[in-house]
Amino acid sequence: MRPAVFNVSGVGESNIYNLDLYISPNNTTLAAVVTGTVTYTVQYTFDDIFAKNFTPAGAVWFNHPSMTTQIGSLVSNLAFPATGVRITTAAGTTGSVVFTVIQAGGGGNA
């Protein structure tokens, strides 16, 4: 699939990136590039993000173990299927973070 890029400035969160559960093997690259002062956490969920009653605030989010409360640029991955991924920034953030998600596996061109 093509890279998805999200830019979060100040305090907030990115849109949710829908991960394809049917790609096998399921490998997803997660990259956060920081400008200025940013504290961020990458989160993933197993909730059905397409459910009629889904809301990001009501979802169960899990913090990525190596991308939690980070202040510098970092690359990591998810080696298992999840339904969605996002990045959040914390209070005191005055900079921005560019969050890139690349999901690989399967075949063909996206």
PDB file of N, CA and C in Angstrom:
ATOM      1  N   MET A   1       0.847  -1.178   0.000  1.00  0.00           N
ATOM      2  CA  MET A   1       0.000   0.000   0.000  1.00  0.00           C
ATOM      3  C   MET A   1       0.888   1.235   0.000  1.00  0.00           C
ATOM      4  N   ARG A   2       0.332   2.323  -0.433  1.00  0.00           N
ATOM      5  CA  ARG A   2       1.072   3.577  -0.455  1.00  0.00           C
ATOM      6  C   ARG A   2       1.216   4.134   0.959  1.00  0.00           C
ATOM      7  N   PRO A   3       2.278   4.889   1.205  1.00  0.00           N
ATOM      8  CA  PRO A   3       2.431   5.491   2.526  1.00  0.00           C
ATOM      9  C   PRO A   3       1.279   6.447   2.843  1.00  0.00           C
ATOM     10  N   ALA A   4       0.863   6.440   4.081  1.00  0.00           N
ATOM     11  CA  ALA A   4      -0.103   7.422   4.576  1.00  0.00           C
ATOM     12  C   ALA A   4       0.665   8.366   5.493  1.00  0.00           C
ATOM     13  N   VAL A   5       0.464   9.661   5.314  1.00  0.00           N
ATOM     14  CA  VAL A   5       1.211  10.651   6.077  1.00  0.00           C
ATOM     15  C   VAL A   5       0.238  11.563   6.809  1.00  0.00           C
ATOM     16  N   PHE A   6       0.463  11.713   8.108  1.00  0.00           N
ATOM     17  CA  PHE A   6      -0.375  12.562   8.959  1.00  0.00           C
ATOM     18  C   PHE A   6       0.516  13.581   9.646  1.00  0.00           C
ATOM     19  N   ASN A   7       0.074  14.836   9.693  1.00  0.00           N
ATOM     20  CA  ASN A   7       0.822  15.896  10.360  1.00  0.00           C
ATOM     21  C   ASN A   7      -0.009  16.395  11.534  1.00  0.00           C
ATOM     22  N   VAL A   8       0.567  16.324  12.737  1.00  0.00           N
ATOM     23  CA  VAL A   8      -0.122  16.810  13.932  1.00  0.00           C
ATOM     24  C   VAL A   8       0.705  17.940  14.527  1.00  0.00           C
ATOM     25  N   SER A   9       0.095  19.114  14.647  1.00  0.00           N
ATOM     26  CA  SER A   9       0.750  20.276  15.247  1.00  0.00           C
ATOM     27  C   SER A   9       0.098  20.583  16.578  1.00  0.00           C
ATOM     28  N   GLY A  10       0.926  20.941  17.567  1.00  0.00           N
ATOM     29  CA  GLY A  10       0.380  21.232  18.887  1.00  0.00           C
ATOM     30  C   GLY A  10      -0.173  19.979  19.531  1.00  0.00           C
ATOM     31  N   VAL A  11      -1.146  20.158  20.420  1.00  0.00           N
ATOM     32  CA  VAL A  11      -1.751  19.040  21.138  1.00  0.00           C
ATOM     33  C   VAL A  11      -2.903  18.488  20.319  1.00  0.00           C
ATOM     34  N   GLY A  12      -2.946  17.180  20.119  1.00  0.00           N
ATOM     35  CA  GLY A  12      -4.040  16.582  19.361  1.00  0.00           C
ATOM     36  C   GLY A  12      -3.751  15.143  18.992  1.00  0.00           C
ATOM     37  N   GLU A  13      -4.422  14.705  17.941  1.00  0.00           N
ATOM     38  CA  GLU A  13      -4.231  13.339  17.460  1.00  0.00           C
ATOM     39  C   GLU A  13      -4.462  13.309  15.954  1.00  0.00           C
ATOM     40  N   SER A  14      -3.866  12.332  15.318  1.00  0.00           N
ATOM     41  CA  SER A  14      -4.055  12.175  13.876  1.00  0.00           C
ATOM     42  C   SER A  14      -5.377  11.470  13.617  1.00  0.00           C
ATOM     43  N   ASN A  15      -5.763  11.468  12.351  1.00  0.00           N
ATOM     44  CA  ASN A  15      -6.850  10.595  11.941  1.00  0.00           C
ATOM     45  C   ASN A  15      -6.397   9.156  12.142  1.00  0.00           C
ATOM     46  N   ILE A  16      -7.341   8.249  12.147  1.00  0.00           N
ATOM     47  CA  ILE A  16      -7.022   6.831  12.280  1.00  0.00           C
ATOM     48  C   ILE A  16      -6.683   6.282  10.901  1.00  0.00           C
ATOM     49  N   TYR A  17      -5.580   5.533  10.833  1.00  0.00           N
ATOM     50  CA  TYR A  17      -5.240   4.851   9.594  1.00  0.00           C
ATOM     51  C   TYR A  17      -5.792   3.437   9.676  1.00  0.00           C
ATOM     52  N   ASN A  18      -6.619   3.072   8.708  1.00  0.00           N
ATOM     53  CA  ASN A  18      -7.219   1.754   8.634  1.00  0.00           C
ATOM     54  C   ASN A  18      -6.189   0.756   8.122  1.00  0.00           C
ATOM     55  N   LEU A  19      -5.861  -0.213   8.960  1.00  0.00           N
ATOM     56  CA  LEU A  19      -4.927  -1.259   8.559  1.00  0.00           C
ATOM     57  C   LEU A  19      -5.688  -2.409   7.915  1.00  0.00           C
ATOM     58  N   ASP A  20      -5.097  -3.009   6.893  1.00  0.00           N
ATOM     59  CA  ASP A  20      -5.720  -4.119   6.177  1.00  0.00           C
ATOM     60  C   ASP A  20      -5.426  -5.423   6.910  1.00  0.00           C
ATOM     61  N   LEU A  21      -6.450  -6.008   7.500  1.00  0.00           N
ATOM     62  CA  LEU A  21      -6.303  -7.243   8.274  1.00  0.00           C
ATOM     63  C   LEU A  21      -5.971  -8.453   7.410  1.00  0.00           C
ATOM     64  N   TYR A  22      -6.212  -8.347   6.122  1.00  0.00           N
ATOM     65  CA  TYR A  22      -6.104  -9.508   5.245  1.00  0.00           C
ATOM     66  C   TYR A  22      -4.773  -9.602   4.507  1.00  0.00           C
ATOM     67  N   ILE A  23      -3.868  -8.677   4.756  1.00  0.00           N
ATOM     68  CA  ILE A  23      -2.542  -8.760   4.165  1.00  0.00           C
ATOM     69  C   ILE A  23      -1.721  -9.757   4.982  1.00  0.00           C
ATOM     70  N   SER A  24      -1.048 -10.661   4.282  1.00  0.00           N
ATOM     71  CA  SER A  24      -0.239 -11.663   4.966  1.00  0.00           C
ATOM     72  C   SER A  24       1.053 -11.863   4.185  1.00  0.00           C
ATOM     73  N   PRO A  25       2.206 -11.748   4.820  1.00  0.00           N
ATOM     74  CA  PRO A  25       2.367 -11.409   6.224  1.00  0.00           C
ATOM     75  C   PRO A  25       2.014  -9.948   6.472  1.00  0.00           C
ATOM     76  N   ASN A  26       1.653  -9.657   7.693  1.00  0.00           N
ATOM     77  CA  ASN A  26       1.213  -8.319   8.055  1.00  0.00           C
ATOM     78  C   ASN A  26       2.373  -7.569   8.697  1.00  0.00           C
ATOM     79  N   ASN A  27       2.963  -6.653   7.961  1.00  0.00           N
ATOM     80  CA  ASN A  27       4.090  -5.851   8.447  1.00  0.00           C
ATOM     81  C   ASN A  27       3.783  -4.386   8.201  1.00  0.00           C
ATOM     82  N   THR A  28       3.838  -3.589   9.239  1.00  0.00           N
ATOM     83  CA  THR A  28       3.520  -2.172   9.120  1.00  0.00           C
ATOM     84  C   THR A  28       4.652  -1.339   9.706  1.00  0.00           C
ATOM     85  N   THR A  29       5.202  -0.437   8.897  1.00  0.00           N
ATOM     86  CA  THR A  29       6.229   0.490   9.357  1.00  0.00           C
ATOM     87  C   THR A  29       5.556   1.727   9.918  1.00  0.00           C
ATOM     88  N   LEU A  30       6.049   2.192  11.053  1.00  0.00           N
ATOM     89  CA  LEU A  30       5.539   3.394  11.712  1.00  0.00           C
ATOM     90  C   LEU A  30       6.718   4.343  11.909  1.00  0.00           C
ATOM     91  N   ALA A  31       6.601   5.555  11.388  1.00  0.00           N
ATOM     92  CA  ALA A  31       7.683   6.529  11.516  1.00  0.00           C
ATOM     93  C   ALA A  31       7.132   7.843  12.042  1.00  0.00           C
ATOM     94  N   ALA A  32       7.805   8.410  13.023  1.00  0.00           N
ATOM     95  CA  ALA A  32       7.443   9.713  13.567  1.00  0.00           C
ATOM     96  C   ALA A  32       8.655  10.637  13.417  1.00  0.00           C
ATOM     97  N   VAL A  33       8.447  11.763  12.725  1.00  0.00           N
ATOM     98  CA  VAL A  33       9.523  12.739  12.530  1.00  0.00           C
ATOM     99  C   VAL A  33       9.108  14.015  13.244  1.00  0.00           C
ATOM    100  N   VAL A  34       9.910  14.409  14.214  1.00  0.00           N
ATOM    101  CA  VAL A  34       9.586  15.508  15.122  1.00  0.00           C
ATOM    102  C   VAL A  34      10.245  16.805  14.670  1.00  0.00           C
ATOM    103  N   THR A  35       9.491  17.896  14.776  1.00  0.00           N
ATOM    104  CA  THR A  35      10.014  19.247  14.597  1.00  0.00           C
ATOM    105  C   THR A  35       9.626  20.037  15.835  1.00  0.00           C
ATOM    106  N   GLY A  36      10.598  20.676  16.468  1.00  0.00           N
ATOM    107  CA  GLY A  36      10.297  21.448  17.671  1.00  0.00           C
ATOM    108  C   GLY A  36      10.187  20.550  18.889  1.00  0.00           C
ATOM    109  N   THR A  37       9.321  20.949  19.817  1.00  0.00           N
ATOM    110  CA  THR A  37       9.135  20.219  21.067  1.00  0.00           C
ATOM    111  C   THR A  37       7.823  19.454  21.014  1.00  0.00           C
ATOM    112  N   VAL A  38       7.925  18.144  20.956  1.00  0.00           N
ATOM    113  CA  VAL A  38       6.744  17.287  20.842  1.00  0.00           C
ATOM    114  C   VAL A  38       6.916  16.066  21.735  1.00  0.00           C
ATOM    115  N   THR A  39       5.870  15.719  22.460  1.00  0.00           N
ATOM    116  CA  THR A  39       5.799  14.443  23.168  1.00  0.00           C
ATOM    117  C   THR A  39       4.650  13.678  22.539  1.00  0.00           C
ATOM    118  N   TYR A  40       4.949  12.497  21.993  1.00  0.00           N
ATOM    119  CA  TYR A  40       3.934  11.762  21.258  1.00  0.00           C
ATOM    120  C   TYR A  40       3.872  10.304  21.688  1.00  0.00           C
ATOM    121  N   THR A  41       2.740   9.681  21.365  1.00  0.00           N
ATOM    122  CA  THR A  41       2.527   8.251  21.584  1.00  0.00           C
ATOM    123  C   THR A  41       1.793   7.690  20.379  1.00  0.00           C
ATOM    124  N   VAL A  42       2.289   6.580  19.854  1.00  0.00           N
ATOM    125  CA  VAL A  42       1.597   5.866  18.785  1.00  0.00           C
ATOM    126  C   VAL A  42       0.696   4.821  19.436  1.00  0.00           C
ATOM    127  N   GLN A  43      -0.538   4.745  18.966  1.00  0.00           N
ATOM    128  CA  GLN A  43      -1.521   3.818  19.522  1.00  0.00           C
ATOM    129  C   GLN A  43      -2.151   2.984  18.417  1.00  0.00           C
ATOM    130  N   TYR A  44      -2.556   1.763  18.771  1.00  0.00           N
ATOM    131  CA  TYR A  44      -3.283   0.903  17.839  1.00  0.00           C
ATOM    132  C   TYR A  44      -4.495   0.319  18.540  1.00  0.00           C
ATOM    133  N   THR A  45      -5.473  -0.114  17.743  1.00  0.00           N
ATOM    134  CA  THR A  45      -6.700  -0.680  18.281  1.00  0.00           C
ATOM    135  C   THR A  45      -7.066  -1.939  17.513  1.00  0.00           C
ATOM    136  N   PHE A  46      -7.865  -2.776  18.169  1.00  0.00           N
ATOM    137  CA  PHE A  46      -8.441  -3.962  17.541  1.00  0.00           C
ATOM    138  C   PHE A  46      -9.947  -3.793  17.362  1.00  0.00           C
ATOM    139  N   ASP A  47     -10.479  -2.624  17.737  1.00  0.00           N
ATOM    140  CA  ASP A  47     -11.908  -2.347  17.597  1.00  0.00           C
ATOM    141  C   ASP A  47     -12.289  -2.234  16.118  1.00  0.00           C
ATOM    142  N   ASP A  48     -13.552  -2.480  15.827  1.00  0.00           N
ATOM    143  CA  ASP A  48     -14.068  -2.347  14.461  1.00  0.00           C
ATOM    144  C   ASP A  48     -14.260  -0.866  14.166  1.00  0.00           C
ATOM    145  N   ILE A  49     -13.300  -0.267  13.492  1.00  0.00           N
ATOM    146  CA  ILE A  49     -13.363   1.180  13.248  1.00  0.00           C
ATOM    147  C   ILE A  49     -14.418   1.555  12.217  1.00  0.00           C
ATOM    148  N   PHE A  50     -15.018   0.556  11.544  1.00  0.00           N
ATOM    149  CA  PHE A  50     -16.089   0.828  10.591  1.00  0.00           C
ATOM    150  C   PHE A  50     -17.472   0.564  11.180  1.00  0.00           C
ATOM    151  N   ALA A  51     -17.533   0.179  12.456  1.00  0.00           N
ATOM    152  CA  ALA A  51     -18.825  -0.064  13.100  1.00  0.00           C
ATOM    153  C   ALA A  51     -19.613   1.245  13.170  1.00  0.00           C
ATOM    154  N   LYS A  52     -20.904   1.136  13.032  1.00  0.00           N
ATOM    155  CA  LYS A  52     -21.776   2.319  13.020  1.00  0.00           C
ATOM    156  C   LYS A  52     -21.612   3.175  14.278  1.00  0.00           C
ATOM    157  N   ASN A  53     -21.422   2.532  15.428  1.00  0.00           N
ATOM    158  CA  ASN A  53     -21.334   3.263  16.689  1.00  0.00           C
ATOM    159  C   ASN A  53     -19.888   3.535  17.133  1.00  0.00           C
ATOM    160  N   PHE A  54     -18.896   3.307  16.256  1.00  0.00           N
ATOM    161  CA  PHE A  54     -17.497   3.526  16.618  1.00  0.00           C
ATOM    162  C   PHE A  54     -17.204   5.012  16.801  1.00  0.00           C
ATOM    163  N   THR A  55     -16.501   5.334  17.878  1.00  0.00           N
ATOM    164  CA  THR A  55     -15.947   6.668  18.085  1.00  0.00           C
ATOM    165  C   THR A  55     -14.514   6.489  18.584  1.00  0.00           C
ATOM    166  N   PRO A  56     -13.584   7.319  18.135  1.00  0.00           N
ATOM    167  CA  PRO A  56     -12.210   7.190  18.616  1.00  0.00           C
ATOM    168  C   PRO A  56     -12.114   7.306  20.146  1.00  0.00           C
ATOM    169  N   ALA A  57     -12.923   8.169  20.733  1.00  0.00           N
ATOM    170  CA  ALA A  57     -12.877   8.344  22.188  1.00  0.00           C
ATOM    171  C   ALA A  57     -13.369   7.108  22.932  1.00  0.00           C
ATOM    172  N   GLY A  58     -14.251   6.324  22.314  1.00  0.00           N
ATOM    173  CA  GLY A  58     -14.780   5.131  22.959  1.00  0.00           C
ATOM    174  C   GLY A  58     -14.006   3.868  22.646  1.00  0.00           C
ATOM    175  N   ALA A  59     -12.995   3.963  21.796  1.00  0.00           N
ATOM    176  CA  ALA A  59     -12.213   2.779  21.406  1.00  0.00           C
ATOM    177  C   ALA A  59     -11.225   2.395  22.494  1.00  0.00           C
ATOM    178  N   VAL A  60     -10.814   1.143  22.460  1.00  0.00           N
ATOM    179  CA  VAL A  60      -9.748   0.670  23.338  1.00  0.00           C
ATOM    180  C   VAL A  60      -8.442   0.820  22.565  1.00  0.00           C
ATOM    181  N   TRP A  61      -7.574   1.694  23.051  1.00  0.00           N
ATOM    182  CA  TRP A  61      -6.300   1.967  22.403  1.00  0.00           C
ATOM    183  C   TRP A  61      -5.172   1.370  23.224  1.00  0.00           C
ATOM    184  N   PHE A  62      -4.191   0.808  22.528  1.00  0.00           N
ATOM    185  CA  PHE A  62      -2.999   0.262  23.166  1.00  0.00           C
ATOM    186  C   PHE A  62      -1.805   1.098  22.735  1.00  0.00           C
ATOM    187  N   ASN A  63      -0.984   1.502  23.696  1.00  0.00           N
ATOM    188  CA  ASN A  63       0.217   2.265  23.373  1.00  0.00           C
ATOM    189  C   ASN A  63       1.270   1.332  22.785  1.00  0.00           C
ATOM    190  N   HIS A  64       1.876   1.763  21.699  1.00  0.00           N
ATOM    191  CA  HIS A  64       2.960   0.986  21.096  1.00  0.00           C
ATOM    192  C   HIS A  64       4.124   0.959  22.094  1.00  0.00           C
ATOM    193  N   PRO A  65       4.667  -0.218  22.415  1.00  0.00           N
ATOM    194  CA  PRO A  65       5.665  -0.306  23.488  1.00  0.00           C
ATOM    195  C   PRO A  65       6.933   0.518  23.278  1.00  0.00           C
ATOM    196  N   SER A  66       7.359   0.726  22.038  1.00  0.00           N
ATOM    197  CA  SER A  66       8.587   1.506  21.839  1.00  0.00           C
ATOM    198  C   SER A  66       8.322   2.912  21.318  1.00  0.00           C
ATOM    199  N   MET A  67       7.035   3.274  21.183  1.00  0.00           N
ATOM    200  CA  MET A  67       6.699   4.613  20.687  1.00  0.00           C
ATOM    201  C   MET A  67       5.717   5.301  21.647  1.00  0.00           C
ATOM    202  N   THR A  68       6.006   5.182  22.939  1.00  0.00           N
ATOM    203  CA  THR A  68       5.163   5.779  23.973  1.00  0.00           C
ATOM    204  C   THR A  68       5.935   6.877  24.681  1.00  0.00           C
ATOM    205  N   THR A  69       5.324   8.048  24.796  1.00  0.00           N
ATOM    206  CA  THR A  69       5.910   9.218  25.465  1.00  0.00           C
ATOM    207  C   THR A  69       7.310   9.508  24.915  1.00  0.00           C
ATOM    208  N   GLN A  70       7.398   9.569  23.607  1.00  0.00           N
ATOM    209  CA  GLN A  70       8.675   9.842  22.938  1.00  0.00           C
ATOM    210  C   GLN A  70       8.804  11.327  22.612  1.00  0.00           C
ATOM    211  N   ILE A  71      10.054  11.803  22.532  1.00  0.00           N
ATOM    212  CA  ILE A  71      10.297  13.218  22.218  1.00  0.00           C
ATOM    213  C   ILE A  71      11.157  13.403  20.971  1.00  0.00           C
ATOM    214  N   GLY A  72      11.692  12.315  20.442  1.00  0.00           N
ATOM    215  CA  GLY A  72      12.533  12.404  19.250  1.00  0.00           C
ATOM    216  C   GLY A  72      11.975  11.576  18.110  1.00  0.00           C
ATOM    217  N   SER A  73      12.519  11.791  16.933  1.00  0.00           N
ATOM    218  CA  SER A  73      12.102  11.022  15.762  1.00  0.00           C
ATOM    219  C   SER A  73      12.439   9.550  15.966  1.00  0.00           C
ATOM    220  N   LEU A  74      11.574   8.676  15.439  1.00  0.00           N
ATOM    221  CA  LEU A  74      11.723   7.242  15.702  1.00  0.00           C
ATOM    222  C   LEU A  74      11.013   6.441  14.629  1.00  0.00           C
ATOM    223  N   VAL A  75      11.546   5.262  14.332  1.00  0.00           N
ATOM    224  CA  VAL A  75      10.898   4.315  13.422  1.00  0.00           C
ATOM    225  C   VAL A  75      10.722   3.003  14.162  1.00  0.00           C
ATOM    226  N   SER A  76       9.545   2.394  14.007  1.00  0.00           N
ATOM    227  CA  SER A  76       9.270   1.086  14.589  1.00  0.00           C
ATOM    228  C   SER A  76       8.301   0.354  13.677  1.00  0.00           C
ATOM    229  N   ASN A  77       7.631  -0.685  14.191  1.00  0.00           N
ATOM    230  CA  ASN A  77       6.720  -1.452  13.347  1.00  0.00           C
ATOM    231  C   ASN A  77       5.658  -2.149  14.170  1.00  0.00           C
ATOM    232  N   LEU A  78       4.658  -2.644  13.463  1.00  0.00           N
ATOM    233  CA  LEU A  78       3.687  -3.594  13.997  1.00  0.00           C
ATOM    234  C   LEU A  78       3.855  -4.857  13.164  1.00  0.00           C
ATOM    235  N   ALA A  79       4.105  -5.977  13.813  1.00  0.00           N
ATOM    236  CA  ALA A  79       4.303  -7.237  13.094  1.00  0.00           C
ATOM    237  C   ALA A  79       3.094  -8.154  13.252  1.00  0.00           C
ATOM    238  N   PHE A  80       1.979  -7.567  13.616  1.00  0.00           N
ATOM    239  CA  PHE A  80       0.739  -8.320  13.813  1.00  0.00           C
ATOM    240  C   PHE A  80      -0.414  -7.464  13.332  1.00  0.00           C
ATOM    241  N   PRO A  81      -1.537  -8.080  12.987  1.00  0.00           N
ATOM    242  CA  PRO A  81      -2.667  -7.290  12.499  1.00  0.00           C
ATOM    243  C   PRO A  81      -3.368  -6.514  13.604  1.00  0.00           C
ATOM    244  N   ALA A  82      -3.735  -5.300  13.285  1.00  0.00           N
ATOM    245  CA  ALA A  82      -4.585  -4.452  14.126  1.00  0.00           C
ATOM    246  C   ALA A  82      -5.556  -3.782  13.157  1.00  0.00           C
ATOM    247  N   THR A  83      -6.591  -3.152  13.665  1.00  0.00           N
ATOM    248  CA  THR A  83      -7.561  -2.528  12.763  1.00  0.00           C
ATOM    249  C   THR A  83      -7.244  -1.071  12.456  1.00  0.00           C
ATOM    250  N   GLY A  84      -6.582  -0.394  13.371  1.00  0.00           N
ATOM    251  CA  GLY A  84      -6.281   1.007  13.159  1.00  0.00           C
ATOM    252  C   GLY A  84      -5.096   1.461  13.976  1.00  0.00           C
ATOM    253  N   VAL A  85      -4.451   2.530  13.513  1.00  0.00           N
ATOM    254  CA  VAL A  85      -3.309   3.101  14.201  1.00  0.00           C
ATOM    255  C   VAL A  85      -3.417   4.624  14.105  1.00  0.00           C
ATOM    256  N   ARG A  86      -2.911   5.312  15.127  1.00  0.00           N
ATOM    257  CA  ARG A  86      -2.914   6.781  15.147  1.00  0.00           C
ATOM    258  C   ARG A  86      -1.753   7.260  15.999  1.00  0.00           C
ATOM    259  N   ILE A  87      -1.505   8.571  15.975  1.00  0.00           N
ATOM    260  CA  ILE A  87      -0.503   9.173  16.843  1.00  0.00           C
ATOM    261  C   ILE A  87      -1.178  10.280  17.634  1.00  0.00           C
ATOM    262  N   THR A  88      -0.819  10.399  18.902  1.00  0.00           N
ATOM    263  CA  THR A  88      -1.359  11.461  19.756  1.00  0.00           C
ATOM    264  C   THR A  88      -0.205  12.299  20.293  1.00  0.00           C
ATOM    265  N   THR A  89      -0.473  13.569  20.535  1.00  0.00           N
ATOM    266  CA  THR A  89       0.530  14.447  21.126  1.00  0.00           C
ATOM    267  C   THR A  89      -0.003  14.967  22.452  1.00  0.00           C
ATOM    268  N   ALA A  90       0.911  15.226  23.370  1.00  0.00           N
ATOM    269  CA  ALA A  90       0.546  15.535  24.755  1.00  0.00           C
ATOM    270  C   ALA A  90       0.603  17.027  25.058  1.00  0.00           C
ATOM    271  N   ALA A  91       0.085  17.363  26.225  1.00  0.00           N
ATOM    272  CA  ALA A  91       0.124  18.740  26.713  1.00  0.00           C
ATOM    273  C   ALA A  91       1.568  19.228  26.752  1.00  0.00           C
ATOM    274  N   GLY A  92       1.758  20.489  26.465  1.00  0.00           N
ATOM    275  CA  GLY A  92       3.088  21.073  26.460  1.00  0.00           C
ATOM    276  C   GLY A  92       3.776  20.984  25.106  1.00  0.00           C
ATOM    277  N   THR A  93       3.106  20.365  24.148  1.00  0.00           N
ATOM    278  CA  THR A  93       3.674  20.226  22.812  1.00  0.00           C
ATOM    279  C   THR A  93       3.542  21.543  22.058  1.00  0.00           C
ATOM    280  N   THR A  94       4.658  22.045  21.563  1.00  0.00           N
ATOM    281  CA  THR A  94       4.641  23.288  20.789  1.00  0.00           C
ATOM    282  C   THR A  94       5.124  23.077  19.364  1.00  0.00           C
ATOM    283  N   GLY A  95       5.577  21.888  19.049  1.00  0.00           N
ATOM    284  CA  GLY A  95       6.068  21.597  17.709  1.00  0.00           C
ATOM    285  C   GLY A  95       5.067  20.772  16.932  1.00  0.00           C
ATOM    286  N   SER A  96       5.602  19.955  16.043  1.00  0.00           N
ATOM    287  CA  SER A  96       4.738  19.098  15.234  1.00  0.00           C
ATOM    288  C   SER A  96       5.422  17.757  15.009  1.00  0.00           C
ATOM    289  N   VAL A  97       4.623  16.785  14.602  1.00  0.00           N
ATOM    290  CA  VAL A  97       5.148  15.468  14.269  1.00  0.00           C
ATOM    291  C   VAL A  97       4.491  15.000  12.981  1.00  0.00           C
ATOM    292  N   VAL A  98       5.307  14.487  12.074  1.00  0.00           N
ATOM    293  CA  VAL A  98       4.811  13.877  10.854  1.00  0.00           C
ATOM    294  C   VAL A  98       4.852  12.370  11.079  1.00  0.00           C
ATOM    295  N   PHE A  99       3.680  11.745  10.973  1.00  0.00           N
ATOM    296  CA  PHE A  99       3.519  10.317  11.237  1.00  0.00           C
ATOM    297  C   PHE A  99       3.257   9.612   9.910  1.00  0.00           C
ATOM    298  N   THR A 100       4.151   8.687   9.557  1.00  0.00           N
ATOM    299  CA  THR A 100       4.016   7.951   8.302  1.00  0.00           C
ATOM    300  C   THR A 100       3.760   6.481   8.605  1.00  0.00           C
ATOM    301  N   VAL A 101       2.774   5.919   7.909  1.00  0.00           N
ATOM    302  CA  VAL A 101       2.417   4.510   8.057  1.00  0.00           C
ATOM    303  C   VAL A 101       2.544   3.845   6.700  1.00  0.00           C
ATOM    304  N   ILE A 102       3.303   2.754   6.654  1.00  0.00           N
ATOM    305  CA  ILE A 102       3.442   1.973   5.427  1.00  0.00           C
ATOM    306  C   ILE A 102       3.133   0.523   5.758  1.00  0.00           C
ATOM    307  N   GLN A 103       2.121  -0.029   5.120  1.00  0.00           N
ATOM    308  CA  GLN A 103       1.755  -1.417   5.353  1.00  0.00           C
ATOM    309  C   GLN A 103       2.197  -2.240   4.150  1.00  0.00           C
ATOM    310  N   ALA A 104       2.984  -3.274   4.414  1.00  0.00           N
ATOM    311  CA  ALA A 104       3.517  -4.115   3.343  1.00  0.00           C
ATOM    312  C   ALA A 104       3.037  -5.547   3.529  1.00  0.00           C
ATOM    313  N   GLY A 105       3.029  -6.271   2.461  1.00  0.00           N
ATOM    314  CA  GLY A 105       2.633  -7.673   2.485  1.00  0.00           C
ATOM    315  C   GLY A 105       1.756  -7.965   1.299  1.00  0.00           C
ATOM    316  N   GLY A 106       1.497  -9.230   1.081  1.00  0.00           N
ATOM    317  CA  GLY A 106       0.659  -9.584  -0.058  1.00  0.00           C
ATOM    318  C   GLY A 106       1.383  -9.281  -1.354  1.00  0.00           C
ATOM    319  N   GLY A 107       0.645  -8.931  -2.363  1.00  0.00           N
ATOM    320  CA  GLY A 107       1.258  -8.645  -3.655  1.00  0.00           C
ATOM    321  C   GLY A 107       0.465  -7.603  -4.400  1.00  0.00           C
ATOM    322  N   GLY A 108       0.924  -7.277  -5.574  1.00  0.00           N
ATOM    323  CA  GLY A 108       0.210  -6.294  -6.390  1.00  0.00           C
ATOM    324  C   GLY A 108       0.669  -4.885  -6.114  1.00  0.00           C
ATOM    325  N   ASN A 109       0.052  -3.954  -6.787  1.00  0.00           N
ATOM    326  CA  ASN A 109       0.375  -2.539  -6.637  1.00  0.00           C
ATOM    327  C   ASN A 109      -0.799  -1.793  -6.039  1.00  0.00           C
ATOM    328  N   ALA A 110      -0.494  -0.869  -5.147  1.00  0.00           N
ATOM    329  CA  ALA A 110      -1.561  -0.060  -4.546  1.00  0.00           C
ATOM    330  C   ALA A 110      -1.634   1.286  -5.212  1.00  0.00           C
TER     331      ALA A 110
END
